[in-house]
């Protein structure tokens, strides 16, 4: 069976005022497949090239938080969103923080988890 999906690429924007970024993850949502998951890959050298004083532990914590929200874990700093659609909406909403979602894109897949890994490999790890 083929499933429609939407995804956002997570961007690391160390100095928001400069608008420079690197891709650090992907969040993929498929309502039909009942699937929402995030996957991240932080390249320390590339991140530090944008800002040598970047706090990599803080960045890693932010990325881990995105993946936990996608997985449905709750924390005091995030809204309680039990359904996948609203959770993806919250994760994909524009924000002006160091980790920002890019525009929403879509596609179709027989394997959303495999597609997520493919997108991370092509768009983040290259």
C-alpha atoms as a PDB file:
ATOM      1  CA  UNK A   1       0.000   0.000   0.000  1.00  0.00           C
ATOM      2  CA  UNK A   2       1.196   3.510  -0.789  1.00  0.00           C
ATOM      3  CA  UNK A   3       0.892   6.225   1.865  1.00  0.00           C
ATOM      4  CA  UNK A   4       0.872   9.995   1.461  1.00  0.00           C
ATOM      5  CA  UNK A   5       3.308  11.776   3.760  1.00  0.00           C
ATOM      6  CA  UNK A   6       4.560  15.223   4.693  1.00  0.00           C
ATOM      7  CA  UNK A   7       7.977  16.117   6.016  1.00  0.00           C
ATOM      8  CA  UNK A   8      10.070  19.026   7.181  1.00  0.00           C
ATOM      9  CA  UNK A   9      13.830  19.318   7.184  1.00  0.00           C
ATOM     10  CA  UNK A  10      15.207  20.551  10.497  1.00  0.00           C
ATOM     11  CA  UNK A  11      17.713  23.356  10.117  1.00  0.00           C
ATOM     12  CA  UNK A  12      20.401  24.451  12.535  1.00  0.00           C
ATOM     13  CA  UNK A  13      20.631  28.246  12.439  1.00  0.00           C
ATOM     14  CA  UNK A  14      23.407  29.088  14.932  1.00  0.00           C
ATOM     15  CA  UNK A  15      23.239  32.837  14.358  1.00  0.00           C
ATOM     16  CA  UNK A  16      19.672  33.652  13.428  1.00  0.00           C
ATOM     17  CA  UNK A  17      20.549  37.182  12.323  1.00  0.00           C
ATOM     18  CA  UNK A  18      22.853  35.779   9.596  1.00  0.00           C
ATOM     19  CA  UNK A  19      20.250  33.312   8.265  1.00  0.00           C
ATOM     20  CA  UNK A  20      22.930  30.680   7.559  1.00  0.00           C
ATOM     21  CA  UNK A  21      21.954  27.082   8.242  1.00  0.00           C
ATOM     22  CA  UNK A  22      22.794  23.423   7.821  1.00  0.00           C
ATOM     23  CA  UNK A  23      20.302  20.576   7.663  1.00  0.00           C
ATOM     24  CA  UNK A  24      20.360  18.465  10.822  1.00  0.00           C
ATOM     25  CA  UNK A  25      17.269  16.268  10.689  1.00  0.00           C
ATOM     26  CA  UNK A  26      13.915  15.352   9.202  1.00  0.00           C
ATOM     27  CA  UNK A  27      10.450  14.894  10.718  1.00  0.00           C
ATOM     28  CA  UNK A  28       8.101  12.744   8.621  1.00  0.00           C
ATOM     29  CA  UNK A  29       4.345  12.377   9.141  1.00  0.00           C
ATOM     30  CA  UNK A  30       1.885  10.061   7.412  1.00  0.00           C
ATOM     31  CA  UNK A  31      -1.696  10.160   8.631  1.00  0.00           C
ATOM     32  CA  UNK A  32      -2.660   7.105   6.560  1.00  0.00           C
ATOM     33  CA  UNK A  33       0.218   5.045   7.983  1.00  0.00           C
ATOM     34  CA  UNK A  34      -0.264   6.404  11.527  1.00  0.00           C
ATOM     35  CA  UNK A  35       3.404   7.413  11.481  1.00  0.00           C
ATOM     36  CA  UNK A  36       5.275  10.376  12.959  1.00  0.00           C
ATOM     37  CA  UNK A  37       8.984  10.200  13.594  1.00  0.00           C
ATOM     38  CA  UNK A  38      12.042  12.406  13.657  1.00  0.00           C
ATOM     39  CA  UNK A  39      15.609  11.475  12.795  1.00  0.00           C
ATOM     40  CA  UNK A  40      18.655  13.689  13.269  1.00  0.00           C
ATOM     41  CA  UNK A  41      22.339  13.730  12.359  1.00  0.00           C
ATOM     42  CA  UNK A  42      24.494  16.552  13.699  1.00  0.00           C
ATOM     43  CA  UNK A  43      27.804  17.138  11.905  1.00  0.00           C
ATOM     44  CA  UNK A  44      29.854  18.913  14.570  1.00  0.00           C
ATOM     45  CA  UNK A  45      32.489  20.254  12.161  1.00  0.00           C
ATOM     46  CA  UNK A  46      29.912  21.802   9.822  1.00  0.00           C
ATOM     47  CA  UNK A  47      27.981  23.286  12.746  1.00  0.00           C
ATOM     48  CA  UNK A  48      31.099  24.814  14.275  1.00  0.00           C
ATOM     49  CA  UNK A  49      32.086  26.245  10.879  1.00  0.00           C
ATOM     50  CA  UNK A  50      28.976  28.440  11.086  1.00  0.00           C
ATOM     51  CA  UNK A  51      29.639  29.450  14.687  1.00  0.00           C
ATOM     52  CA  UNK A  52      32.853  28.364  16.454  1.00  0.00           C
ATOM     53  CA  UNK A  53      31.308  29.228  19.842  1.00  0.00           C
ATOM     54  CA  UNK A  54      28.192  27.111  19.296  1.00  0.00           C
ATOM     55  CA  UNK A  55      27.047  25.078  22.313  1.00  0.00           C
ATOM     56  CA  UNK A  56      26.775  21.639  20.703  1.00  0.00           C
ATOM     57  CA  UNK A  57      25.288  20.065  23.839  1.00  0.00           C
ATOM     58  CA  UNK A  58      22.425  22.559  23.727  1.00  0.00           C
ATOM     59  CA  UNK A  59      21.872  21.858  20.031  1.00  0.00           C
ATOM     60  CA  UNK A  60      21.841  18.105  20.681  1.00  0.00           C
ATOM     61  CA  UNK A  61      19.314  18.616  23.502  1.00  0.00           C
ATOM     62  CA  UNK A  62      17.049  20.612  21.159  1.00  0.00           C
ATOM     63  CA  UNK A  63      17.244  17.936  18.467  1.00  0.00           C
ATOM     64  CA  UNK A  64      16.560  15.178  20.982  1.00  0.00           C
ATOM     65  CA  UNK A  65      13.535  17.142  22.204  1.00  0.00           C
ATOM     66  CA  UNK A  66      12.124  17.286  18.663  1.00  0.00           C
ATOM     67  CA  UNK A  67      12.446  13.507  18.357  1.00  0.00           C
ATOM     68  CA  UNK A  68      10.822  12.984  21.765  1.00  0.00           C
ATOM     69  CA  UNK A  69       7.871  15.213  20.833  1.00  0.00           C
ATOM     70  CA  UNK A  70       7.476  13.332  17.540  1.00  0.00           C
ATOM     71  CA  UNK A  71       7.448  10.082  19.531  1.00  0.00           C
ATOM     72  CA  UNK A  72       4.700  11.412  21.786  1.00  0.00           C
ATOM     73  CA  UNK A  73       6.733  11.985  24.944  1.00  0.00           C
ATOM     74  CA  UNK A  74       5.539  14.894  27.048  1.00  0.00           C
ATOM     75  CA  UNK A  75       7.611  17.493  28.869  1.00  0.00           C
ATOM     76  CA  UNK A  76       6.829  20.705  30.736  1.00  0.00           C
ATOM     77  CA  UNK A  77       8.252  22.807  27.875  1.00  0.00           C
ATOM     78  CA  UNK A  78       6.020  21.369  25.133  1.00  0.00           C
ATOM     79  CA  UNK A  79       2.260  21.251  24.700  1.00  0.00           C
ATOM     80  CA  UNK A  80       0.458  17.975  25.305  1.00  0.00           C
ATOM     81  CA  UNK A  81      -0.515  16.814  21.831  1.00  0.00           C
ATOM     82  CA  UNK A  82      -1.800  13.263  21.773  1.00  0.00           C
ATOM     83  CA  UNK A  83      -2.752  13.021  18.087  1.00  0.00           C
ATOM     84  CA  UNK A  84      -0.111  12.835  15.370  1.00  0.00           C
ATOM     85  CA  UNK A  85      -1.521  15.564  13.087  1.00  0.00           C
ATOM     86  CA  UNK A  86      -1.478  18.363  15.676  1.00  0.00           C
ATOM     87  CA  UNK A  87       1.921  17.161  16.897  1.00  0.00           C
ATOM     88  CA  UNK A  88       3.353  17.429  13.361  1.00  0.00           C
ATOM     89  CA  UNK A  89       1.718  20.835  13.031  1.00  0.00           C
ATOM     90  CA  UNK A  90       3.471  22.015  16.186  1.00  0.00           C
ATOM     91  CA  UNK A  91       6.822  20.561  15.082  1.00  0.00           C
ATOM     92  CA  UNK A  92       6.559  22.111  11.608  1.00  0.00           C
ATOM     93  CA  UNK A  93       5.423  25.570  12.750  1.00  0.00           C
ATOM     94  CA  UNK A  94       7.885  28.365  11.893  1.00  0.00           C
ATOM     95  CA  UNK A  95       9.999  29.598  14.781  1.00  0.00           C
ATOM     96  CA  UNK A  96      13.017  31.808  15.297  1.00  0.00           C
ATOM     97  CA  UNK A  97      15.080  29.481  17.470  1.00  0.00           C
ATOM     98  CA  UNK A  98      18.418  27.828  16.788  1.00  0.00           C
ATOM     99  CA  UNK A  99      16.659  24.686  15.431  1.00  0.00           C
ATOM    100  CA  UNK A 100      14.037  25.616  12.834  1.00  0.00           C
ATOM    101  CA  UNK A 101      11.803  23.553  10.557  1.00  0.00           C
ATOM    102  CA  UNK A 102      11.991  24.282   6.858  1.00  0.00           C
ATOM    103  CA  UNK A 103       8.948  24.342   4.575  1.00  0.00           C
ATOM    104  CA  UNK A 104       6.591  21.360   4.507  1.00  0.00           C
ATOM    105  CA  UNK A 105       7.074  19.003   1.565  1.00  0.00           C
ATOM    106  CA  UNK A 106       5.100  15.918   0.583  1.00  0.00           C
ATOM    107  CA  UNK A 107       5.275  12.643  -1.257  1.00  0.00           C
ATOM    108  CA  UNK A 108       4.111   9.044  -1.309  1.00  0.00           C
ATOM    109  CA  UNK A 109       5.787   5.945   0.061  1.00  0.00           C
ATOM    110  CA  UNK A 110       5.163   2.289   0.765  1.00  0.00           C
ATOM    111  CA  UNK A 111       7.547   2.496   3.736  1.00  0.00           C
ATOM    112  CA  UNK A 112       7.449   5.772   5.717  1.00  0.00           C
ATOM    113  CA  UNK A 113      10.269   4.687   8.069  1.00  0.00           C
ATOM    114  CA  UNK A 114      12.482   3.777   5.116  1.00  0.00           C
ATOM    115  CA  UNK A 115      11.610   7.054   3.418  1.00  0.00           C
ATOM    116  CA  UNK A 116      12.585   8.952   6.568  1.00  0.00           C
ATOM    117  CA  UNK A 117      16.001   7.266   6.595  1.00  0.00           C
ATOM    118  CA  UNK A 118      16.410   7.973   2.866  1.00  0.00           C
ATOM    119  CA  UNK A 119      15.572  11.660   3.353  1.00  0.00           C
ATOM    120  CA  UNK A 120      18.059  11.957   6.216  1.00  0.00           C
ATOM    121  CA  UNK A 121      20.739  10.275   4.123  1.00  0.00           C
ATOM    122  CA  UNK A 122      20.122  12.517   1.078  1.00  0.00           C
ATOM    123  CA  UNK A 123      19.240  15.843   2.725  1.00  0.00           C
ATOM    124  CA  UNK A 124      21.243  15.781   5.951  1.00  0.00           C
ATOM    125  CA  UNK A 125      24.205  13.391   5.840  1.00  0.00           C
ATOM    126  CA  UNK A 126      25.154  13.701   2.127  1.00  0.00           C
END
